[in-house]
Amino acid sequence: MRFILMALIFLSSALPAMAQEAPQNKALMQFAANNLSFDKAVDTKAKSIFMRQFPGCAQVLQIVRQLPLALGELTFPAGNADEKFPAPTTGLWTEHVKIRGCDKVRQVNLLASGQQDGTVVLLALLPGETRADPAIQRDAERIGATSITKADATCSDAPNVLNTRFLS
């Protein structure tokens, strides 16, 4: 599969209020730091995305998870003696994972969604340094893919974003 690097540049003044501006949710931080099964799920999903971006790469050398960022209000279940740091049952947040392997370093970004049954759904966002919210990322990916397809009608591969950078 052929990957095409699309440079997505968003000026900070054009961005909506960012998750970084929201107050850090103590319960989310505790959940992220102490729930080993979720930590493993994030690492596994990020590694899978990285390996799809670099199909010839057979070895991931390092995975470093960064602090999660809440995208609005999160709801956590009432105290449960069986689970000290339960997952949110509603709400969205982003997970950012730096991965190094095969002389490549990439940041994999994931959208996490707390579910009523205590599970968390992880969805891929655009990789790299983007600070755009998930809806803007989806629109940028669609517009970029359409533009690339129109520019090179002979290419049969679907365009994919390999990396993004935030410029000032």
C-alpha atoms as a PDB file:
ATOM      1  CA  MET A   1       0.000   0.000   0.000  1.00  0.00           C
ATOM      2  CA  ARG A   2       1.346   3.393  -0.924  1.00  0.00           C
ATOM      3  CA  PHE A   3       1.276   6.089   1.709  1.00  0.00           C
ATOM      4  CA  ILE A   4       1.243   9.740   0.792  1.00  0.00           C
ATOM      5  CA  LEU A   5       2.461  12.403   3.132  1.00  0.00           C
ATOM      6  CA  MET A   6      -0.066  15.180   3.403  1.00  0.00           C
ATOM      7  CA  ALA A   7       1.042  18.346   5.139  1.00  0.00           C
ATOM      8  CA  LEU A   8      -1.851  19.744   7.103  1.00  0.00           C
ATOM      9  CA  ILE A   9      -1.203  23.197   8.436  1.00  0.00           C
ATOM     10  CA  PHE A  10      -3.649  24.769  10.827  1.00  0.00           C
ATOM     11  CA  LEU A  11      -2.961  28.210  12.224  1.00  0.00           C
ATOM     12  CA  SER A  12      -3.557  28.375  15.934  1.00  0.00           C
ATOM     13  CA  SER A  13      -5.961  31.280  15.520  1.00  0.00           C
ATOM     14  CA  ALA A  14      -8.218  29.151  13.320  1.00  0.00           C
ATOM     15  CA  LEU A  15      -8.473  26.325  15.816  1.00  0.00           C
ATOM     16  CA  PRO A  16     -11.385  25.955  18.194  1.00  0.00           C
ATOM     17  CA  ALA A  17     -10.752  25.828  21.927  1.00  0.00           C
ATOM     18  CA  MET A  18      -8.314  23.009  22.414  1.00  0.00           C
ATOM     19  CA  ALA A  19      -8.414  20.149  24.877  1.00  0.00           C
ATOM     20  CA  GLN A  20      -5.095  21.362  26.282  1.00  0.00           C
ATOM     21  CA  GLU A  21      -6.940  24.369  27.703  1.00  0.00           C
ATOM     22  CA  ALA A  22      -9.430  22.207  29.620  1.00  0.00           C
ATOM     23  CA  PRO A  23      -8.566  21.503  33.262  1.00  0.00           C
ATOM     24  CA  GLN A  24      -6.893  18.125  33.699  1.00  0.00           C
ATOM     25  CA  ASN A  25      -9.292  15.558  35.063  1.00  0.00           C
ATOM     26  CA  LYS A  26      -7.737  13.871  38.113  1.00  0.00           C
ATOM     27  CA  ALA A  27      -9.797  10.695  37.668  1.00  0.00           C
ATOM     28  CA  LEU A  28      -8.697  10.407  34.011  1.00  0.00           C
ATOM     29  CA  MET A  29      -5.052  10.780  35.034  1.00  0.00           C
ATOM     30  CA  GLN A  30      -5.463   8.110  37.720  1.00  0.00           C
ATOM     31  CA  PHE A  31      -7.226   5.777  35.289  1.00  0.00           C
ATOM     32  CA  ALA A  32      -4.558   6.318  32.596  1.00  0.00           C
ATOM     33  CA  ALA A  33      -1.679   5.772  35.021  1.00  0.00           C
ATOM     34  CA  ASN A  34      -3.054   2.777  36.900  1.00  0.00           C
ATOM     35  CA  ASN A  35      -5.301   0.703  34.627  1.00  0.00           C
ATOM     36  CA  LEU A  36      -2.855  -1.819  33.178  1.00  0.00           C
ATOM     37  CA  SER A  37      -5.325  -3.489  30.805  1.00  0.00           C
ATOM     38  CA  PHE A  38      -6.197  -0.122  29.223  1.00  0.00           C
ATOM     39  CA  ASP A  39      -2.498   0.788  29.042  1.00  0.00           C
ATOM     40  CA  LYS A  40      -1.848  -2.464  27.165  1.00  0.00           C
ATOM     41  CA  ALA A  41      -4.811  -1.814  24.823  1.00  0.00           C
ATOM     42  CA  VAL A  42      -3.463   1.659  23.958  1.00  0.00           C
ATOM     43  CA  ASP A  43       0.044   0.296  23.315  1.00  0.00           C
ATOM     44  CA  THR A  44      -1.308  -2.565  21.177  1.00  0.00           C
ATOM     45  CA  LYS A  45      -3.529  -0.273  19.071  1.00  0.00           C
ATOM     46  CA  ALA A  46      -0.741   2.314  18.604  1.00  0.00           C
ATOM     47  CA  LYS A  47       1.769  -0.378  17.637  1.00  0.00           C
ATOM     48  CA  SER A  48      -0.698  -1.853  15.136  1.00  0.00           C
ATOM     49  CA  ILE A  49      -1.201   1.558  13.504  1.00  0.00           C
ATOM     50  CA  PHE A  50       2.566   2.163  13.383  1.00  0.00           C
ATOM     51  CA  MET A  51       3.183  -1.240  11.774  1.00  0.00           C
ATOM     52  CA  ARG A  52       0.519  -0.539   9.111  1.00  0.00           C
ATOM     53  CA  GLN A  53       2.252   2.766   8.308  1.00  0.00           C
ATOM     54  CA  PHE A  54       5.598   0.991   7.922  1.00  0.00           C
ATOM     55  CA  PRO A  55       4.793  -2.524   6.674  1.00  0.00           C
ATOM     56  CA  GLY A  56       8.480  -3.461   6.254  1.00  0.00           C
ATOM     57  CA  CYS A  57       9.269  -2.624   9.875  1.00  0.00           C
ATOM     58  CA  ALA A  58       9.487  -5.781  11.970  1.00  0.00           C
ATOM     59  CA  GLN A  59      10.535  -4.343  15.318  1.00  0.00           C
ATOM     60  CA  VAL A  60       9.179  -1.567  17.514  1.00  0.00           C
ATOM     61  CA  LEU A  61      11.932  -0.498  19.907  1.00  0.00           C
ATOM     62  CA  GLN A  62      10.159   1.977  22.159  1.00  0.00           C
ATOM     63  CA  ILE A  63       6.598   3.015  23.001  1.00  0.00           C
ATOM     64  CA  VAL A  64       6.083   6.083  25.184  1.00  0.00           C
ATOM     65  CA  ARG A  65       2.567   7.076  26.180  1.00  0.00           C
ATOM     66  CA  GLN A  66       1.921  10.742  26.909  1.00  0.00           C
ATOM     67  CA  LEU A  67      -0.704  12.323  29.161  1.00  0.00           C
ATOM     68  CA  PRO A  68      -4.294  11.931  27.950  1.00  0.00           C
ATOM     69  CA  LEU A  69      -6.323  15.037  27.126  1.00  0.00           C
ATOM     70  CA  ALA A  70     -10.023  15.214  27.993  1.00  0.00           C
ATOM     71  CA  LEU A  71     -12.310  16.547  25.264  1.00  0.00           C
ATOM     72  CA  GLY A  72     -15.064  17.858  27.481  1.00  0.00           C
ATOM     73  CA  GLU A  73     -16.782  16.270  30.446  1.00  0.00           C
ATOM     74  CA  LEU A  74     -16.071  12.677  31.467  1.00  0.00           C
ATOM     75  CA  THR A  75     -18.282  10.546  33.734  1.00  0.00           C
ATOM     76  CA  PHE A  76     -16.790   7.932  36.020  1.00  0.00           C
ATOM     77  CA  PRO A  77     -18.762   5.205  37.824  1.00  0.00           C
ATOM     78  CA  ALA A  78     -19.351   5.428  41.561  1.00  0.00           C
ATOM     79  CA  GLY A  79     -16.757   3.764  43.785  1.00  0.00           C
ATOM     80  CA  ASN A  80     -16.237   0.071  43.162  1.00  0.00           C
ATOM     81  CA  ALA A  81     -14.139  -2.031  45.546  1.00  0.00           C
ATOM     82  CA  ASP A  82     -13.217  -4.459  42.755  1.00  0.00           C
ATOM     83  CA  GLU A  83     -11.813  -1.778  40.447  1.00  0.00           C
ATOM     84  CA  LYS A  84      -9.862   1.053  42.054  1.00  0.00           C
ATOM     85  CA  PHE A  85      -9.381   3.093  38.846  1.00  0.00           C
ATOM     86  CA  PRO A  86     -12.381   2.413  36.581  1.00  0.00           C
ATOM     87  CA  ALA A  87     -12.735   3.614  33.018  1.00  0.00           C
ATOM     88  CA  PRO A  88     -14.979   6.572  32.216  1.00  0.00           C
ATOM     89  CA  THR A  89     -18.496   5.486  31.291  1.00  0.00           C
ATOM     90  CA  THR A  90     -19.127   8.516  29.072  1.00  0.00           C
ATOM     91  CA  GLY A  91     -16.957  11.108  27.396  1.00  0.00           C
ATOM     92  CA  LEU A  92     -14.102  11.430  24.940  1.00  0.00           C
ATOM     93  CA  TRP A  93     -10.388  11.958  25.373  1.00  0.00           C
ATOM     94  CA  THR A  94      -7.261  11.677  23.254  1.00  0.00           C
ATOM     95  CA  GLU A  95      -4.283   9.420  23.804  1.00  0.00           C
ATOM     96  CA  HIS A  96      -0.885  10.255  22.272  1.00  0.00           C
ATOM     97  CA  VAL A  97       1.815   7.616  21.878  1.00  0.00           C
ATOM     98  CA  LYS A  98       5.362   8.155  20.543  1.00  0.00           C
ATOM     99  CA  ILE A  99       6.742   5.062  18.838  1.00  0.00           C
ATOM    100  CA  ARG A 100      10.293   4.411  17.676  1.00  0.00           C
ATOM    101  CA  GLY A 101      11.198   1.547  15.372  1.00  0.00           C
ATOM    102  CA  CYS A 102      13.162   0.892  12.166  1.00  0.00           C
ATOM    103  CA  ASP A 103      14.810   4.332  12.281  1.00  0.00           C
ATOM    104  CA  LYS A 104      11.386   6.016  12.344  1.00  0.00           C
ATOM    105  CA  VAL A 105       9.739   7.996  15.121  1.00  0.00           C
ATOM    106  CA  ARG A 106       6.035   8.761  14.899  1.00  0.00           C
ATOM    107  CA  GLN A 107       3.332   9.986  17.194  1.00  0.00           C
ATOM    108  CA  VAL A 108       0.175   7.914  16.993  1.00  0.00           C
ATOM    109  CA  ASN A 109      -2.965   9.720  18.169  1.00  0.00           C
ATOM    110  CA  LEU A 110      -6.064   7.903  19.358  1.00  0.00           C
ATOM    111  CA  LEU A 111      -9.572   8.991  20.252  1.00  0.00           C
ATOM    112  CA  ALA A 112     -10.864   7.148  23.323  1.00  0.00           C
ATOM    113  CA  SER A 113     -14.566   6.854  24.067  1.00  0.00           C
ATOM    114  CA  GLY A 114     -15.838   5.645  27.445  1.00  0.00           C
ATOM    115  CA  GLN A 115     -18.741   3.205  27.174  1.00  0.00           C
ATOM    116  CA  GLN A 116     -21.577   2.513  29.659  1.00  0.00           C
ATOM    117  CA  ASP A 117     -20.385  -1.066  30.171  1.00  0.00           C
ATOM    118  CA  GLY A 118     -16.961   0.143  31.379  1.00  0.00           C
ATOM    119  CA  THR A 119     -15.101  -0.616  28.161  1.00  0.00           C
ATOM    120  CA  VAL A 120     -13.209   1.944  26.086  1.00  0.00           C
ATOM    121  CA  VAL A 121     -13.328   2.165  22.301  1.00  0.00           C
ATOM    122  CA  LEU A 122     -10.080   3.363  20.674  1.00  0.00           C
ATOM    123  CA  LEU A 123     -10.163   4.960  17.214  1.00  0.00           C
ATOM    124  CA  ALA A 124      -7.227   6.206  15.145  1.00  0.00           C
ATOM    125  CA  LEU A 125      -6.803   9.944  14.628  1.00  0.00           C
ATOM    126  CA  LEU A 126      -4.314  11.570  12.266  1.00  0.00           C
ATOM    127  CA  PRO A 127      -0.737  10.742  13.237  1.00  0.00           C
ATOM    128  CA  GLY A 128       1.825  13.372  14.193  1.00  0.00           C
ATOM    129  CA  GLU A 129       1.712  16.749  15.878  1.00  0.00           C
ATOM    130  CA  THR A 130      -1.740  17.905  14.799  1.00  0.00           C
ATOM    131  CA  ARG A 131      -3.646  19.962  17.352  1.00  0.00           C
ATOM    132  CA  ALA A 132      -6.872  19.959  15.407  1.00  0.00           C
ATOM    133  CA  ASP A 133      -9.938  18.462  17.041  1.00  0.00           C
ATOM    134  CA  PRO A 134     -11.190  15.100  15.704  1.00  0.00           C
ATOM    135  CA  ALA A 135     -13.920  16.627  13.493  1.00  0.00           C
ATOM    136  CA  ILE A 136     -11.448  18.951  11.761  1.00  0.00           C
ATOM    137  CA  GLN A 137      -9.026  16.035  11.309  1.00  0.00           C
ATOM    138  CA  ARG A 138     -11.742  13.963   9.618  1.00  0.00           C
ATOM    139  CA  ASP A 139     -12.598  16.834   7.274  1.00  0.00           C
ATOM    140  CA  ALA A 140      -8.926  17.542   6.475  1.00  0.00           C
ATOM    141  CA  GLU A 141      -8.294  13.872   5.687  1.00  0.00           C
ATOM    142  CA  ARG A 142     -11.332  13.707   3.379  1.00  0.00           C
ATOM    143  CA  ILE A 143     -10.408  16.953   1.578  1.00  0.00           C
ATOM    144  CA  GLY A 144      -6.761  15.907   1.241  1.00  0.00           C
ATOM    145  CA  ALA A 145      -7.633  12.471  -0.116  1.00  0.00           C
ATOM    146  CA  THR A 146     -10.048  13.988  -2.643  1.00  0.00           C
ATOM    147  CA  SER A 147      -7.416  16.510  -3.784  1.00  0.00           C
ATOM    148  CA  ILE A 148      -4.718  13.855  -4.187  1.00  0.00           C
ATOM    149  CA  THR A 149      -7.061  11.541  -6.103  1.00  0.00           C
ATOM    150  CA  LYS A 150      -7.974  14.374  -8.487  1.00  0.00           C
ATOM    151  CA  ALA A 151      -4.303  15.353  -8.937  1.00  0.00           C
ATOM    152  CA  ASP A 152      -3.181  11.800  -9.759  1.00  0.00           C
ATOM    153  CA  ALA A 153      -6.042   9.811 -11.267  1.00  0.00           C
ATOM    154  CA  THR A 154      -3.618   7.033 -12.319  1.00  0.00           C
ATOM    155  CA  CYS A 155      -2.902   6.045  -8.710  1.00  0.00           C
ATOM    156  CA  SER A 156      -5.019   3.088  -7.610  1.00  0.00           C
ATOM    157  CA  ASP A 157      -3.962   3.198  -3.947  1.00  0.00           C
ATOM    158  CA  ALA A 158      -6.114   5.039  -1.455  1.00  0.00           C
ATOM    159  CA  PRO A 159      -4.279   8.087  -0.057  1.00  0.00           C
ATOM    160  CA  ASN A 160      -3.377   7.884   3.623  1.00  0.00           C
ATOM    161  CA  VAL A 161      -1.950  10.431   6.026  1.00  0.00           C
ATOM    162  CA  LEU A 162       1.498   9.389   7.233  1.00  0.00           C
ATOM    163  CA  ASN A 163       2.317  12.373   9.447  1.00  0.00           C
ATOM    164  CA  THR A 164       1.241  15.883  10.431  1.00  0.00           C
ATOM    165  CA  ARG A 165       3.178  18.815  11.835  1.00  0.00           C
ATOM    166  CA  PHE A 166       1.968  21.802  13.815  1.00  0.00           C
ATOM    167  CA  LEU A 167       3.559  25.041  12.618  1.00  0.00           C
ATOM    168  CA  SER A 168       3.254  27.904  15.105  1.00  0.00           C
END
